[in-house]
């Protein structure tokens, strides 16, 4: 029987996975090119995730416009139901992000306003 090798990092008792490092330390080398100290590792895990929501908001607005357009153009109950669900999901995500919901504009209202 061969003896299981341990991680090459001092103080780590995990079983070696690749290149004499455990999964945790090999992953750190693979992702960042170095092994974190305990202090660095705590800073990485405690750092809040910052993301730019403006791109996500624009994408949601586009999705909502597309879903509303498809809802108006699709014929048949099942097709309209699918797009109604899509509209509802997009609106839920917009509310979750704190975005104001756009006013509901139906094609009938637009046609009535355009008529003399």
PDB file of N, CA and C in Angstrom:
ATOM      1  N   UNK A   1       0.829  -1.190   0.000  1.00  0.00           N
ATOM      2  CA  UNK A   1       0.000   0.000   0.000  1.00  0.00           C
ATOM      3  C   UNK A   1       0.871   1.251   0.000  1.00  0.00           C
ATOM      4  N   UNK A   2       0.429   2.222  -0.744  1.00  0.00           N
ATOM      5  CA  UNK A   2       1.171   3.480  -0.768  1.00  0.00           C
ATOM      6  C   UNK A   2       0.600   4.419   0.274  1.00  0.00           C
ATOM      7  N   UNK A   3       1.460   5.219   0.812  1.00  0.00           N
ATOM      8  CA  UNK A   3       1.048   6.196   1.818  1.00  0.00           C
ATOM      9  C   UNK A   3       0.431   7.406   1.108  1.00  0.00           C
ATOM     10  N   UNK A   4      -0.692   7.857   1.621  1.00  0.00           N
ATOM     11  CA  UNK A   4      -1.324   9.028   1.036  1.00  0.00           C
ATOM     12  C   UNK A   4      -0.454  10.248   1.287  1.00  0.00           C
ATOM     13  N   UNK A   5      -0.220  11.029   0.257  1.00  0.00           N
ATOM     14  CA  UNK A   5       0.597  12.218   0.433  1.00  0.00           C
ATOM     15  C   UNK A   5      -0.274  13.372   0.924  1.00  0.00           C
ATOM     16  N   UNK A   6       0.361  14.253   1.636  1.00  0.00           N
ATOM     17  CA  UNK A   6      -0.319  15.421   2.192  1.00  0.00           C
ATOM     18  C   UNK A   6       0.054  16.657   1.406  1.00  0.00           C
ATOM     19  N   UNK A   7      -0.700  17.718   1.594  1.00  0.00           N
ATOM     20  CA  UNK A   7      -0.477  18.981   0.898  1.00  0.00           C
ATOM     21  C   UNK A   7       0.918  19.527   1.217  1.00  0.00           C
ATOM     22  N   UNK A   8       1.541  20.150   0.224  1.00  0.00           N
ATOM     23  CA  UNK A   8       2.893  20.682   0.374  1.00  0.00           C
ATOM     24  C   UNK A   8       2.936  21.965   1.192  1.00  0.00           C
ATOM     25  N   UNK A   9       1.808  22.586   1.448  1.00  0.00           N
ATOM     26  CA  UNK A   9       1.763  23.824   2.226  1.00  0.00           C
ATOM     27  C   UNK A   9       1.933  23.478   3.694  1.00  0.00           C
ATOM     28  N   UNK A  10       2.827  24.188   4.364  1.00  0.00           N
ATOM     29  CA  UNK A  10       3.074  23.881   5.770  1.00  0.00           C
ATOM     30  C   UNK A  10       1.826  24.181   6.602  1.00  0.00           C
ATOM     31  N   UNK A  11       1.492  23.260   7.468  1.00  0.00           N
ATOM     32  CA  UNK A  11       0.336  23.421   8.340  1.00  0.00           C
ATOM     33  C   UNK A  11      -0.955  22.878   7.747  1.00  0.00           C
ATOM     34  N   UNK A  12      -0.948  22.500   6.499  1.00  0.00           N
ATOM     35  CA  UNK A  12      -2.154  21.957   5.860  1.00  0.00           C
ATOM     36  C   UNK A  12      -2.101  20.444   5.924  1.00  0.00           C
ATOM     37  N   UNK A  13      -3.126  19.844   6.499  1.00  0.00           N
ATOM     38  CA  UNK A  13      -3.169  18.397   6.670  1.00  0.00           C
ATOM     39  C   UNK A  13      -4.054  17.707   5.633  1.00  0.00           C
ATOM     40  N   UNK A  14      -4.538  18.447   4.645  1.00  0.00           N
ATOM     41  CA  UNK A  14      -5.405  17.853   3.632  1.00  0.00           C
ATOM     42  C   UNK A  14      -4.617  16.928   2.716  1.00  0.00           C
ATOM     43  N   UNK A  15      -5.321  15.985   2.118  1.00  0.00           N
ATOM     44  CA  UNK A  15      -4.726  15.032   1.195  1.00  0.00           C
ATOM     45  C   UNK A  15      -4.360  15.736  -0.113  1.00  0.00           C
ATOM     46  N   UNK A  16      -3.225  15.375  -0.689  1.00  0.00           N
ATOM     47  CA  UNK A  16      -2.768  16.002  -1.935  1.00  0.00           C
ATOM     48  C   UNK A  16      -3.701  15.625  -3.079  1.00  0.00           C
ATOM     49  N   UNK A  17      -3.942  16.596  -3.936  1.00  0.00           N
ATOM     50  CA  UNK A  17      -4.834  16.390  -5.068  1.00  0.00           C
ATOM     51  C   UNK A  17      -4.072  16.462  -6.382  1.00  0.00           C
ATOM     52  N   UNK A  18      -3.330  17.544  -6.583  1.00  0.00           N
ATOM     53  CA  UNK A  18      -2.578  17.719  -7.827  1.00  0.00           C
ATOM     54  C   UNK A  18      -1.295  18.484  -7.532  1.00  0.00           C
ATOM     55  N   UNK A  19      -0.234  18.043  -8.159  1.00  0.00           N
ATOM     56  CA  UNK A  19       1.073  18.684  -8.003  1.00  0.00           C
ATOM     57  C   UNK A  19       1.446  18.879  -6.540  1.00  0.00           C
ATOM     58  N   UNK A  20       1.115  17.916  -5.727  1.00  0.00           N
ATOM     59  CA  UNK A  20       1.379  17.842  -4.290  1.00  0.00           C
ATOM     60  C   UNK A  20       0.663  18.921  -3.477  1.00  0.00           C
ATOM     61  N   UNK A  21      -0.409  19.492  -4.012  1.00  0.00           N
ATOM     62  CA  UNK A  21      -1.241  20.455  -3.272  1.00  0.00           C
ATOM     63  C   UNK A  21      -2.639  19.867  -3.087  1.00  0.00           C
ATOM     64  N   UNK A  22      -3.292  20.272  -2.009  1.00  0.00           N
ATOM     65  CA  UNK A  22      -4.675  19.855  -1.804  1.00  0.00           C
ATOM     66  C   UNK A  22      -5.566  20.647  -2.770  1.00  0.00           C
ATOM     67  N   UNK A  23      -6.852  20.312  -2.818  1.00  0.00           N
ATOM     68  CA  UNK A  23      -7.778  20.994  -3.726  1.00  0.00           C
ATOM     69  C   UNK A  23      -7.844  22.491  -3.454  1.00  0.00           C
ATOM     70  N   UNK A  24      -7.883  22.861  -2.202  1.00  0.00           N
ATOM     71  CA  UNK A  24      -7.989  24.269  -1.823  1.00  0.00           C
ATOM     72  C   UNK A  24      -6.784  25.066  -2.321  1.00  0.00           C
ATOM     73  N   UNK A  25      -5.593  24.593  -2.014  1.00  0.00           N
ATOM     74  CA  UNK A  25      -4.395  25.339  -2.382  1.00  0.00           C
ATOM     75  C   UNK A  25      -4.105  25.261  -3.887  1.00  0.00           C
ATOM     76  N   UNK A  26      -4.393  24.131  -4.503  1.00  0.00           N
ATOM     77  CA  UNK A  26      -4.209  24.031  -5.941  1.00  0.00           C
ATOM     78  C   UNK A  26      -5.161  24.993  -6.663  1.00  0.00           C
ATOM     79  N   UNK A  27      -6.375  25.100  -6.154  1.00  0.00           N
ATOM     80  CA  UNK A  27      -7.338  26.040  -6.735  1.00  0.00           C
ATOM     81  C   UNK A  27      -6.868  27.481  -6.601  1.00  0.00           C
ATOM     82  N   UNK A  28      -6.272  27.829  -5.475  1.00  0.00           N
ATOM     83  CA  UNK A  28      -5.748  29.183  -5.287  1.00  0.00           C
ATOM     84  C   UNK A  28      -4.624  29.469  -6.284  1.00  0.00           C
ATOM     85  N   UNK A  29      -3.747  28.501  -6.473  1.00  0.00           N
ATOM     86  CA  UNK A  29      -2.654  28.678  -7.433  1.00  0.00           C
ATOM     87  C   UNK A  29      -3.216  28.791  -8.841  1.00  0.00           C
ATOM     88  N   UNK A  30      -4.178  27.970  -9.161  1.00  0.00           N
ATOM     89  CA  UNK A  30      -4.754  27.968 -10.507  1.00  0.00           C
ATOM     90  C   UNK A  30      -5.484  29.282 -10.797  1.00  0.00           C
ATOM     91  N   UNK A  31      -6.251  29.807  -9.796  1.00  0.00           N
ATOM     92  CA  UNK A  31      -7.029  31.033 -10.012  1.00  0.00           C
ATOM     93  C   UNK A  31      -6.179  32.288  -9.946  1.00  0.00           C
ATOM     94  N   UNK A  32      -5.350  32.414  -8.922  1.00  0.00           N
ATOM     95  CA  UNK A  32      -4.635  33.670  -8.669  1.00  0.00           C
ATOM     96  C   UNK A  32      -3.130  33.583  -8.826  1.00  0.00           C
ATOM     97  N   UNK A  33      -2.618  32.394  -8.954  1.00  0.00           N
ATOM     98  CA  UNK A  33      -1.179  32.245  -9.131  1.00  0.00           C
ATOM     99  C   UNK A  33      -0.395  32.259  -7.836  1.00  0.00           C
ATOM    100  N   UNK A  34      -1.070  32.263  -6.693  1.00  0.00           N
ATOM    101  CA  UNK A  34      -0.369  32.241  -5.416  1.00  0.00           C
ATOM    102  C   UNK A  34      -1.261  31.606  -4.360  1.00  0.00           C
ATOM    103  N   UNK A  35      -0.643  31.254  -3.262  1.00  0.00           N
ATOM    104  CA  UNK A  35      -1.382  30.680  -2.139  1.00  0.00           C
ATOM    105  C   UNK A  35      -1.624  31.794  -1.137  1.00  0.00           C
ATOM    106  N   UNK A  36      -2.866  31.951  -0.737  1.00  0.00           N
ATOM    107  CA  UNK A  36      -3.226  32.988   0.215  1.00  0.00           C
ATOM    108  C   UNK A  36      -2.760  32.618   1.612  1.00  0.00           C
ATOM    109  N   UNK A  37      -2.392  33.650   2.363  1.00  0.00           N
ATOM    110  CA  UNK A  37      -2.179  33.428   3.786  1.00  0.00           C
ATOM    111  C   UNK A  37      -3.562  33.453   4.435  1.00  0.00           C
ATOM    112  N   UNK A  38      -3.649  33.108   5.700  1.00  0.00           N
ATOM    113  CA  UNK A  38      -4.951  33.108   6.377  1.00  0.00           C
ATOM    114  C   UNK A  38      -5.591  34.488   6.374  1.00  0.00           C
ATOM    115  N   UNK A  39      -4.792  35.544   6.553  1.00  0.00           N
ATOM    116  CA  UNK A  39      -5.343  36.910   6.572  1.00  0.00           C
ATOM    117  C   UNK A  39      -5.885  37.295   5.203  1.00  0.00           C
ATOM    118  N   UNK A  40      -5.136  36.975   4.146  1.00  0.00           N
ATOM    119  CA  UNK A  40      -5.596  37.283   2.794  1.00  0.00           C
ATOM    120  C   UNK A  40      -6.869  36.510   2.467  1.00  0.00           C
ATOM    121  N   UNK A  41      -6.924  35.263   2.911  1.00  0.00           N
ATOM    122  CA  UNK A  41      -8.093  34.437   2.630  1.00  0.00           C
ATOM    123  C   UNK A  41      -9.334  35.013   3.305  1.00  0.00           C
ATOM    124  N   UNK A  42      -9.198  35.506   4.540  1.00  0.00           N
ATOM    125  CA  UNK A  42     -10.329  36.116   5.232  1.00  0.00           C
ATOM    126  C   UNK A  42     -10.779  37.383   4.522  1.00  0.00           C
ATOM    127  N   UNK A  43      -9.833  38.193   4.032  1.00  0.00           N
ATOM    128  CA  UNK A  43     -10.199  39.413   3.318  1.00  0.00           C
ATOM    129  C   UNK A  43     -10.953  39.086   2.043  1.00  0.00           C
ATOM    130  N   UNK A  44     -10.546  38.043   1.344  1.00  0.00           N
ATOM    131  CA  UNK A  44     -11.204  37.663   0.100  1.00  0.00           C
ATOM    132  C   UNK A  44     -12.627  37.206   0.376  1.00  0.00           C
ATOM    133  N   UNK A  45     -12.825  36.405   1.437  1.00  0.00           N
ATOM    134  CA  UNK A  45     -14.156  35.905   1.709  1.00  0.00           C
ATOM    135  C   UNK A  45     -15.064  36.970   2.302  1.00  0.00           C
ATOM    136  N   UNK A  46     -14.515  37.977   2.973  1.00  0.00           N
ATOM    137  CA  UNK A  46     -15.339  39.012   3.593  1.00  0.00           C
ATOM    138  C   UNK A  46     -15.648  40.175   2.655  1.00  0.00           C
ATOM    139  N   UNK A  47     -14.927  40.275   1.547  1.00  0.00           N
ATOM    140  CA  UNK A  47     -15.127  41.391   0.637  1.00  0.00           C
ATOM    141  C   UNK A  47     -16.523  41.305   0.008  1.00  0.00           C
ATOM    142  N   UNK A  48     -17.314  42.381   0.075  1.00  0.00           N
ATOM    143  CA  UNK A  48     -18.638  42.327  -0.539  1.00  0.00           C
ATOM    144  C   UNK A  48     -18.523  42.305  -2.059  1.00  0.00           C
ATOM    145  N   UNK A  49     -19.482  41.658  -2.675  1.00  0.00           N
ATOM    146  CA  UNK A  49     -19.491  41.579  -4.124  1.00  0.00           C
ATOM    147  C   UNK A  49     -20.065  42.879  -4.675  1.00  0.00           C
ATOM    148  N   UNK A  50     -19.268  43.566  -5.456  1.00  0.00           N
ATOM    149  CA  UNK A  50     -19.712  44.803  -6.084  1.00  0.00           C
ATOM    150  C   UNK A  50     -19.918  44.534  -7.563  1.00  0.00           C
ATOM    151  N   UNK A  51     -21.048  44.949  -8.075  1.00  0.00           N
ATOM    152  CA  UNK A  51     -21.282  44.761  -9.495  1.00  0.00           C
ATOM    153  C   UNK A  51     -21.978  45.985 -10.045  1.00  0.00           C
ATOM    154  N   UNK A  52     -21.827  46.183 -11.298  1.00  0.00           N
ATOM    155  CA  UNK A  52     -22.436  47.321 -11.949  1.00  0.00           C
ATOM    156  C   UNK A  52     -23.835  46.915 -12.393  1.00  0.00           C
ATOM    157  N   UNK A  53     -24.840  47.411 -11.688  1.00  0.00           N
ATOM    158  CA  UNK A  53     -26.215  47.036 -11.985  1.00  0.00           C
ATOM    159  C   UNK A  53     -26.792  47.791 -13.177  1.00  0.00           C
ATOM    160  N   UNK A  54     -26.115  48.832 -13.659  1.00  0.00           N
ATOM    161  CA  UNK A  54     -26.686  49.586 -14.779  1.00  0.00           C
ATOM    162  C   UNK A  54     -26.795  48.718 -16.024  1.00  0.00           C
ATOM    163  N   UNK A  55     -25.788  47.881 -16.286  1.00  0.00           N
ATOM    164  CA  UNK A  55     -25.872  46.986 -17.444  1.00  0.00           C
ATOM    165  C   UNK A  55     -27.011  45.986 -17.268  1.00  0.00           C
ATOM    166  N   UNK A  56     -27.146  45.465 -16.062  1.00  0.00           N
ATOM    167  CA  UNK A  56     -28.234  44.514 -15.795  1.00  0.00           C
ATOM    168  C   UNK A  56     -29.587  45.187 -15.944  1.00  0.00           C
ATOM    169  N   UNK A  57     -29.702  46.441 -15.505  1.00  0.00           N
ATOM    170  CA  UNK A  57     -30.966  47.164 -15.622  1.00  0.00           C
ATOM    171  C   UNK A  57     -31.330  47.397 -17.086  1.00  0.00           C
ATOM    172  N   UNK A  58     -30.340  47.784 -17.884  1.00  0.00           N
ATOM    173  CA  UNK A  58     -30.608  47.984 -19.319  1.00  0.00           C
ATOM    174  C   UNK A  58     -31.039  46.671 -19.973  1.00  0.00           C
ATOM    175  N   UNK A  59     -30.387  45.601 -19.597  1.00  0.00           N
ATOM    176  CA  UNK A  59     -30.742  44.307 -20.166  1.00  0.00           C
ATOM    177  C   UNK A  59     -32.161  43.907 -19.770  1.00  0.00           C
ATOM    178  N   UNK A  60     -32.532  44.176 -18.527  1.00  0.00           N
ATOM    179  CA  UNK A  60     -33.893  43.863 -18.092  1.00  0.00           C
ATOM    180  C   UNK A  60     -34.922  44.699 -18.843  1.00  0.00           C
ATOM    181  N   UNK A  61     -34.611  45.965 -19.078  1.00  0.00           N
ATOM    182  CA  UNK A  61     -35.540  46.805 -19.842  1.00  0.00           C
ATOM    183  C   UNK A  61     -35.715  46.264 -21.256  1.00  0.00           C
ATOM    184  N   UNK A  62     -34.612  45.839 -21.876  1.00  0.00           N
ATOM    185  CA  UNK A  62     -34.710  45.250 -23.222  1.00  0.00           C
ATOM    186  C   UNK A  62     -35.523  43.964 -23.192  1.00  0.00           C
ATOM    187  N   UNK A  63     -35.276  43.119 -22.200  1.00  0.00           N
ATOM    188  CA  UNK A  63     -36.031  41.868 -22.082  1.00  0.00           C
ATOM    189  C   UNK A  63     -37.521  42.138 -21.916  1.00  0.00           C
ATOM    190  N   UNK A  64     -37.843  43.139 -21.099  1.00  0.00           N
ATOM    191  CA  UNK A  64     -39.243  43.460 -20.863  1.00  0.00           C
ATOM    192  C   UNK A  64     -39.909  43.957 -22.144  1.00  0.00           C
ATOM    193  N   UNK A  65     -39.235  44.844 -22.884  1.00  0.00           N
ATOM    194  CA  UNK A  65     -39.808  45.336 -24.147  1.00  0.00           C
ATOM    195  C   UNK A  65     -40.019  44.191 -25.137  1.00  0.00           C
ATOM    196  N   UNK A  66     -39.038  43.304 -25.228  1.00  0.00           N
ATOM    197  CA  UNK A  66     -39.148  42.173 -26.154  1.00  0.00           C
ATOM    198  C   UNK A  66     -40.296  41.251 -25.748  1.00  0.00           C
ATOM    199  N   UNK A  67     -40.396  40.956 -24.454  1.00  0.00           N
ATOM    200  CA  UNK A  67     -41.457  40.064 -23.973  1.00  0.00           C
ATOM    201  C   UNK A  67     -42.833  40.694 -24.193  1.00  0.00           C
ATOM    202  N   UNK A  68     -42.961  42.007 -23.955  1.00  0.00           N
ATOM    203  CA  UNK A  68     -44.249  42.662 -24.179  1.00  0.00           C
ATOM    204  C   UNK A  68     -44.615  42.668 -25.658  1.00  0.00           C
ATOM    205  N   UNK A  69     -43.616  42.880 -26.525  1.00  0.00           N
ATOM    206  CA  UNK A  69     -43.872  42.852 -27.958  1.00  0.00           C
ATOM    207  C   UNK A  69     -44.325  41.459 -28.396  1.00  0.00           C
ATOM    208  N   UNK A  70     -43.629  40.434 -27.910  1.00  0.00           N
ATOM    209  CA  UNK A  70     -44.008  39.064 -28.266  1.00  0.00           C
ATOM    210  C   UNK A  70     -45.388  38.715 -27.726  1.00  0.00           C
ATOM    211  N   UNK A  71     -45.700  39.192 -26.542  1.00  0.00           N
ATOM    212  CA  UNK A  71     -47.015  38.933 -25.942  1.00  0.00           C
ATOM    213  C   UNK A  71     -48.112  39.515 -26.834  1.00  0.00           C
ATOM    214  N   UNK A  72     -47.867  40.699 -27.385  1.00  0.00           N
ATOM    215  CA  UNK A  72     -48.865  41.337 -28.238  1.00  0.00           C
ATOM    216  C   UNK A  72     -49.003  40.626 -29.581  1.00  0.00           C
ATOM    217  N   UNK A  73     -47.930  40.041 -30.090  1.00  0.00           N
ATOM    218  CA  UNK A  73     -47.934  39.464 -31.434  1.00  0.00           C
ATOM    219  C   UNK A  73     -48.252  37.980 -31.492  1.00  0.00           C
ATOM    220  N   UNK A  74     -48.098  37.265 -30.393  1.00  0.00           N
ATOM    221  CA  UNK A  74     -48.311  35.818 -30.395  1.00  0.00           C
ATOM    222  C   UNK A  74     -49.800  35.522 -30.365  1.00  0.00           C
ATOM    223  N   UNK A  75     -50.183  34.544 -31.159  1.00  0.00           N
ATOM    224  CA  UNK A  75     -51.584  34.121 -31.212  1.00  0.00           C
ATOM    225  C   UNK A  75     -51.690  32.788 -30.475  1.00  0.00           C
ATOM    226  N   UNK A  76     -52.715  32.631 -29.688  1.00  0.00           N
ATOM    227  CA  UNK A  76     -52.930  31.383 -28.970  1.00  0.00           C
ATOM    228  C   UNK A  76     -52.658  31.527 -27.483  1.00  0.00           C
ATOM    229  N   UNK A  77     -53.423  30.808 -26.704  1.00  0.00           N
ATOM    230  CA  UNK A  77     -53.362  30.920 -25.257  1.00  0.00           C
ATOM    231  C   UNK A  77     -52.003  30.509 -24.697  1.00  0.00           C
ATOM    232  N   UNK A  78     -51.465  29.364 -25.149  1.00  0.00           N
ATOM    233  CA  UNK A  78     -50.204  28.859 -24.589  1.00  0.00           C
ATOM    234  C   UNK A  78     -49.037  29.795 -24.871  1.00  0.00           C
ATOM    235  N   UNK A  79     -48.984  30.340 -26.076  1.00  0.00           N
ATOM    236  CA  UNK A  79     -47.914  31.263 -26.416  1.00  0.00           C
ATOM    237  C   UNK A  79     -47.988  32.536 -25.596  1.00  0.00           C
ATOM    238  N   UNK A  80     -49.197  33.063 -25.446  1.00  0.00           N
ATOM    239  CA  UNK A  80     -49.364  34.288 -24.662  1.00  0.00           C
ATOM    240  C   UNK A  80     -49.062  34.024 -23.191  1.00  0.00           C
ATOM    241  N   UNK A  81     -49.429  32.866 -22.707  1.00  0.00           N
ATOM    242  CA  UNK A  81     -49.154  32.519 -21.314  1.00  0.00           C
ATOM    243  C   UNK A  81     -47.656  32.477 -21.055  1.00  0.00           C
ATOM    244  N   UNK A  82     -46.903  31.918 -21.994  1.00  0.00           N
ATOM    245  CA  UNK A  82     -45.448  31.857 -21.859  1.00  0.00           C
ATOM    246  C   UNK A  82     -44.863  33.259 -21.745  1.00  0.00           C
ATOM    247  N   UNK A  83     -45.283  34.164 -22.607  1.00  0.00           N
ATOM    248  CA  UNK A  83     -44.733  35.520 -22.586  1.00  0.00           C
ATOM    249  C   UNK A  83     -45.231  36.308 -21.391  1.00  0.00           C
ATOM    250  N   UNK A  84     -46.440  36.030 -20.911  1.00  0.00           N
ATOM    251  CA  UNK A  84     -46.934  36.688 -19.693  1.00  0.00           C
ATOM    252  C   UNK A  84     -46.066  36.290 -18.510  1.00  0.00           C
ATOM    253  N   UNK A  85     -45.690  35.014 -18.431  1.00  0.00           N
ATOM    254  CA  UNK A  85     -44.803  34.554 -17.354  1.00  0.00           C
ATOM    255  C   UNK A  85     -43.442  35.225 -17.455  1.00  0.00           C
ATOM    256  N   UNK A  86     -42.943  35.357 -18.687  1.00  0.00           N
ATOM    257  CA  UNK A  86     -41.648  36.020 -18.892  1.00  0.00           C
ATOM    258  C   UNK A  86     -41.719  37.468 -18.415  1.00  0.00           C
ATOM    259  N   UNK A  87     -42.797  38.160 -18.754  1.00  0.00           N
ATOM    260  CA  UNK A  87     -42.981  39.549 -18.317  1.00  0.00           C
ATOM    261  C   UNK A  87     -42.996  39.625 -16.801  1.00  0.00           C
ATOM    262  N   UNK A  88     -43.726  38.722 -16.165  1.00  0.00           N
ATOM    263  CA  UNK A  88     -43.815  38.722 -14.699  1.00  0.00           C
ATOM    264  C   UNK A  88     -42.455  38.475 -14.056  1.00  0.00           C
ATOM    265  N   UNK A  89     -41.671  37.538 -14.607  1.00  0.00           N
ATOM    266  CA  UNK A  89     -40.347  37.246 -14.053  1.00  0.00           C
ATOM    267  C   UNK A  89     -39.405  38.438 -14.196  1.00  0.00           C
ATOM    268  N   UNK A  90     -39.445  39.100 -15.338  1.00  0.00           N
ATOM    269  CA  UNK A  90     -38.588  40.266 -15.547  1.00  0.00           C
ATOM    270  C   UNK A  90     -38.981  41.374 -14.577  1.00  0.00           C
ATOM    271  N   UNK A  91     -40.274  41.579 -14.396  1.00  0.00           N
ATOM    272  CA  UNK A  91     -40.731  42.622 -13.467  1.00  0.00           C
ATOM    273  C   UNK A  91     -40.321  42.302 -12.029  1.00  0.00           C
ATOM    274  N   UNK A  92     -40.375  41.030 -11.637  1.00  0.00           N
ATOM    275  CA  UNK A  92     -39.928  40.650 -10.296  1.00  0.00           C
ATOM    276  C   UNK A  92     -38.457  40.983 -10.095  1.00  0.00           C
ATOM    277  N   UNK A  93     -37.639  40.688 -11.122  1.00  0.00           N
ATOM    278  CA  UNK A  93     -36.211  40.981 -11.036  1.00  0.00           C
ATOM    279  C   UNK A  93     -35.978  42.485 -10.966  1.00  0.00           C
ATOM    280  N   UNK A  94     -36.764  43.266 -11.715  1.00  0.00           N
ATOM    281  CA  UNK A  94     -36.628  44.724 -11.688  1.00  0.00           C
ATOM    282  C   UNK A  94     -36.967  45.261 -10.297  1.00  0.00           C
ATOM    283  N   UNK A  95     -37.999  44.727  -9.677  1.00  0.00           N
ATOM    284  CA  UNK A  95     -38.380  45.146  -8.326  1.00  0.00           C
ATOM    285  C   UNK A  95     -37.287  44.765  -7.336  1.00  0.00           C
ATOM    286  N   UNK A  96     -36.722  43.577  -7.509  1.00  0.00           N
ATOM    287  CA  UNK A  96     -35.652  43.124  -6.617  1.00  0.00           C
ATOM    288  C   UNK A  96     -34.446  44.049  -6.677  1.00  0.00           C
ATOM    289  N   UNK A  97     -34.150  44.575  -7.856  1.00  0.00           N
ATOM    290  CA  UNK A  97     -33.025  45.494  -8.018  1.00  0.00           C
ATOM    291  C   UNK A  97     -33.385  46.932  -7.659  1.00  0.00           C
ATOM    292  N   UNK A  98     -34.655  47.174  -7.344  1.00  0.00           N
ATOM    293  CA  UNK A  98     -35.078  48.518  -6.965  1.00  0.00           C
ATOM    294  C   UNK A  98     -35.322  49.435  -8.146  1.00  0.00           C
ATOM    295  N   UNK A  99     -35.579  48.863  -9.296  1.00  0.00           N
ATOM    296  CA  UNK A  99     -35.839  49.669 -10.492  1.00  0.00           C
ATOM    297  C   UNK A  99     -37.307  50.070 -10.528  1.00  0.00           C
ATOM    298  N   UNK A 100     -37.603  51.267 -11.033  1.00  0.00           N
ATOM    299  CA  UNK A 100     -39.006  51.623 -11.224  1.00  0.00           C
ATOM    300  C   UNK A 100     -39.572  50.844 -12.409  1.00  0.00           C
ATOM    301  N   UNK A 101     -40.788  50.371 -12.266  1.00  0.00           N
ATOM    302  CA  UNK A 101     -41.413  49.637 -13.362  1.00  0.00           C
ATOM    303  C   UNK A 101     -41.913  50.630 -14.406  1.00  0.00           C
ATOM    304  N   UNK A 102     -41.701  50.343 -15.675  1.00  0.00           N
ATOM    305  CA  UNK A 102     -42.187  51.244 -16.717  1.00  0.00           C
ATOM    306  C   UNK A 102     -43.705  51.205 -16.783  1.00  0.00           C
ATOM    307  N   UNK A 103     -44.329  52.290 -17.255  1.00  0.00           N
ATOM    308  CA  UNK A 103     -45.788  52.280 -17.360  1.00  0.00           C
ATOM    309  C   UNK A 103     -46.241  51.249 -18.379  1.00  0.00           C
ATOM    310  N   UNK A 104     -47.406  50.678 -18.136  1.00  0.00           N
ATOM    311  CA  UNK A 104     -47.953  49.674 -19.037  1.00  0.00           C
ATOM    312  C   UNK A 104     -48.583  50.392 -20.217  1.00  0.00           C
ATOM    313  N   UNK A 105     -48.119  50.069 -21.398  1.00  0.00           N
ATOM    314  CA  UNK A 105     -48.661  50.653 -22.615  1.00  0.00           C
ATOM    315  C   UNK A 105     -49.107  49.519 -23.505  1.00  0.00           C
ATOM    316  N   UNK A 106     -50.405  49.448 -23.747  1.00  0.00           N
ATOM    317  CA  UNK A 106     -50.901  48.398 -24.625  1.00  0.00           C
ATOM    318  C   UNK A 106     -51.006  48.936 -26.041  1.00  0.00           C
ATOM    319  N   UNK A 107     -51.044  48.045 -27.004  1.00  0.00           N
ATOM    320  CA  UNK A 107     -51.126  48.469 -28.409  1.00  0.00           C
ATOM    321  C   UNK A 107     -52.463  49.145 -28.690  1.00  0.00           C
ATOM    322  N   UNK A 108     -53.503  48.780 -27.955  1.00  0.00           N
ATOM    323  CA  UNK A 108     -54.813  49.418 -28.154  1.00  0.00           C
ATOM    324  C   UNK A 108     -54.771  50.872 -27.732  1.00  0.00           C
ATOM    325  N   UNK A 109     -54.088  51.156 -26.620  1.00  0.00           N
ATOM    326  CA  UNK A 109     -54.007  52.551 -26.141  1.00  0.00           C
ATOM    327  C   UNK A 109     -53.237  53.399 -27.136  1.00  0.00           C
ATOM    328  N   UNK A 110     -52.146  52.836 -27.684  1.00  0.00           N
ATOM    329  CA  UNK A 110     -51.365  53.576 -28.659  1.00  0.00           C
ATOM    330  C   UNK A 110     -52.193  53.836 -29.906  1.00  0.00           C
ATOM    331  N   UNK A 111     -52.966  52.854 -30.369  1.00  0.00           N
ATOM    332  CA  UNK A 111     -53.798  53.019 -31.560  1.00  0.00           C
ATOM    333  C   UNK A 111     -54.892  54.055 -31.323  1.00  0.00           C
ATOM    334  N   UNK A 112     -55.454  54.090 -30.112  1.00  0.00           N
ATOM    335  CA  UNK A 112     -56.522  55.068 -29.807  1.00  0.00           C
ATOM    336  C   UNK A 112     -55.957  56.475 -29.756  1.00  0.00           C
ATOM    337  N   UNK A 113     -54.763  56.648 -29.241  1.00  0.00           N
ATOM    338  CA  UNK A 113     -54.151  57.959 -29.175  1.00  0.00           C
ATOM    339  C   UNK A 113     -53.772  58.460 -30.559  1.00  0.00           C
ATOM    340  N   UNK A 114     -53.396  57.558 -31.447  1.00  0.00           N
ATOM    341  CA  UNK A 114     -52.981  57.941 -32.793  1.00  0.00           C
ATOM    342  C   UNK A 114     -54.172  58.295 -33.683  1.00  0.00           C
ATOM    343  N   UNK A 115     -55.360  57.762 -33.359  1.00  0.00           N
ATOM    344  CA  UNK A 115     -56.551  58.034 -34.167  1.00  0.00           C
ATOM    345  C   UNK A 115     -57.019  59.478 -33.970  1.00  0.00           C
ATOM    346  N   UNK A 116     -57.472  60.160 -35.074  1.00  0.00           N
ATOM    347  CA  UNK A 116     -57.933  61.554 -34.935  1.00  0.00           C
ATOM    348  C   UNK A 116     -59.249  61.681 -34.220  1.00  0.00           C
TER     349      UNK A 116
END
